Amino acid sequence: MKDKTEILEREQRLIDKLYKLYRDMNNAATMLQKGQSLEEHRQELLAVRDLAT
């Protein structure tokens, strides 16, 4: 019985670590997307500025 409990606890820790990794990867992907959006917006603003001058 003790072995089964230890196995279940270990499995739960691994699941928790996998979930944290997934969440961190998702956050990083979101940050990259936002960074790309900001860069695209910056490029558009520079193009408008160039047209205005």
C-alpha atoms as a PDB file:
ATOM      1  CA  MET A   1       0.000   0.000   0.000  1.00  0.00           C
ATOM      2  CA  LYS A   2       2.847   2.378   0.845  1.00  0.00           C
ATOM      3  CA  ASP A   3       4.464   1.730  -2.535  1.00  0.00           C
ATOM      4  CA  LYS A   4       1.228   2.574  -4.347  1.00  0.00           C
ATOM      5  CA  THR A   5       0.917   5.848  -2.420  1.00  0.00           C
ATOM      6  CA  GLU A   6       4.514   6.766  -3.240  1.00  0.00           C
ATOM      7  CA  ILE A   7       3.931   6.006  -6.918  1.00  0.00           C
ATOM      8  CA  LEU A   8       0.771   8.126  -6.977  1.00  0.00           C
ATOM      9  CA  GLU A   9       2.550  11.019  -5.259  1.00  0.00           C
ATOM     10  CA  ARG A  10       5.440  10.784  -7.715  1.00  0.00           C
ATOM     11  CA  GLU A  11       3.031  10.703 -10.652  1.00  0.00           C
ATOM     12  CA  GLN A  12       1.253  13.774  -9.300  1.00  0.00           C
ATOM     13  CA  ARG A  13       4.562  15.663  -8.973  1.00  0.00           C
ATOM     14  CA  LEU A  14       5.437  14.757 -12.571  1.00  0.00           C
ATOM     15  CA  ILE A  15       2.009  15.888 -13.769  1.00  0.00           C
ATOM     16  CA  ASP A  16       2.468  19.162 -11.886  1.00  0.00           C
ATOM     17  CA  LYS A  17       5.882  19.699 -13.480  1.00  0.00           C
ATOM     18  CA  LEU A  18       4.525  18.931 -16.956  1.00  0.00           C
ATOM     19  CA  TYR A  19       1.643  21.338 -16.434  1.00  0.00           C
ATOM     20  CA  LYS A  20       4.037  24.083 -15.287  1.00  0.00           C
ATOM     21  CA  LEU A  21       6.225  23.450 -18.347  1.00  0.00           C
ATOM     22  CA  TYR A  22       3.170  23.621 -20.617  1.00  0.00           C
ATOM     23  CA  ARG A  23       2.041  26.860 -18.972  1.00  0.00           C
ATOM     24  CA  ASP A  24       5.509  28.402 -19.274  1.00  0.00           C
ATOM     25  CA  MET A  25       5.746  27.415 -22.949  1.00  0.00           C
ATOM     26  CA  ASN A  26       2.290  28.860 -23.605  1.00  0.00           C
ATOM     27  CA  ASN A  27       3.281  32.113 -21.869  1.00  0.00           C
ATOM     28  CA  ALA A  28       6.475  32.299 -23.930  1.00  0.00           C
ATOM     29  CA  ALA A  29       4.542  31.728 -27.167  1.00  0.00           C
ATOM     30  CA  THR A  30       2.105  34.490 -26.208  1.00  0.00           C
ATOM     31  CA  MET A  31       4.979  36.857 -25.447  1.00  0.00           C
ATOM     32  CA  LEU A  32       6.571  36.076 -28.824  1.00  0.00           C
ATOM     33  CA  GLN A  33       3.285  36.746 -30.604  1.00  0.00           C
ATOM     34  CA  LYS A  34       2.882  40.060 -28.784  1.00  0.00           C
ATOM     35  CA  GLY A  35       6.466  40.964 -29.619  1.00  0.00           C
ATOM     36  CA  GLN A  36       5.831  40.245 -33.299  1.00  0.00           C
ATOM     37  CA  SER A  37       2.653  42.314 -33.202  1.00  0.00           C
ATOM     38  CA  LEU A  38       4.513  45.217 -31.617  1.00  0.00           C
ATOM     39  CA  GLU A  39       7.266  44.965 -34.219  1.00  0.00           C
ATOM     40  CA  GLU A  40       4.695  44.934 -37.041  1.00  0.00           C
ATOM     41  CA  HIS A  41       2.977  47.972 -35.537  1.00  0.00           C
ATOM     42  CA  ARG A  42       6.318  49.756 -35.216  1.00  0.00           C
ATOM     43  CA  GLN A  43       7.083  49.036 -38.870  1.00  0.00           C
ATOM     44  CA  GLU A  44       3.702  50.439 -39.895  1.00  0.00           C
ATOM     45  CA  LEU A  45       4.308  53.604 -37.866  1.00  0.00           C
ATOM     46  CA  LEU A  46       7.734  54.032 -39.439  1.00  0.00           C
ATOM     47  CA  ALA A  47       6.225  53.618 -42.909  1.00  0.00           C
ATOM     48  CA  VAL A  48       3.580  56.264 -42.163  1.00  0.00           C
ATOM     49  CA  ARG A  49       6.263  58.585 -40.799  1.00  0.00           C
ATOM     50  CA  ASP A  50       8.347  58.087 -43.929  1.00  0.00           C
ATOM     51  CA  LEU A  51       5.356  58.882 -46.134  1.00  0.00           C
ATOM     52  CA  ALA A  52       4.633  62.041 -44.130  1.00  0.00           C
ATOM     53  CA  THR A  53       8.153  63.412 -44.528  1.00  0.00           C
END
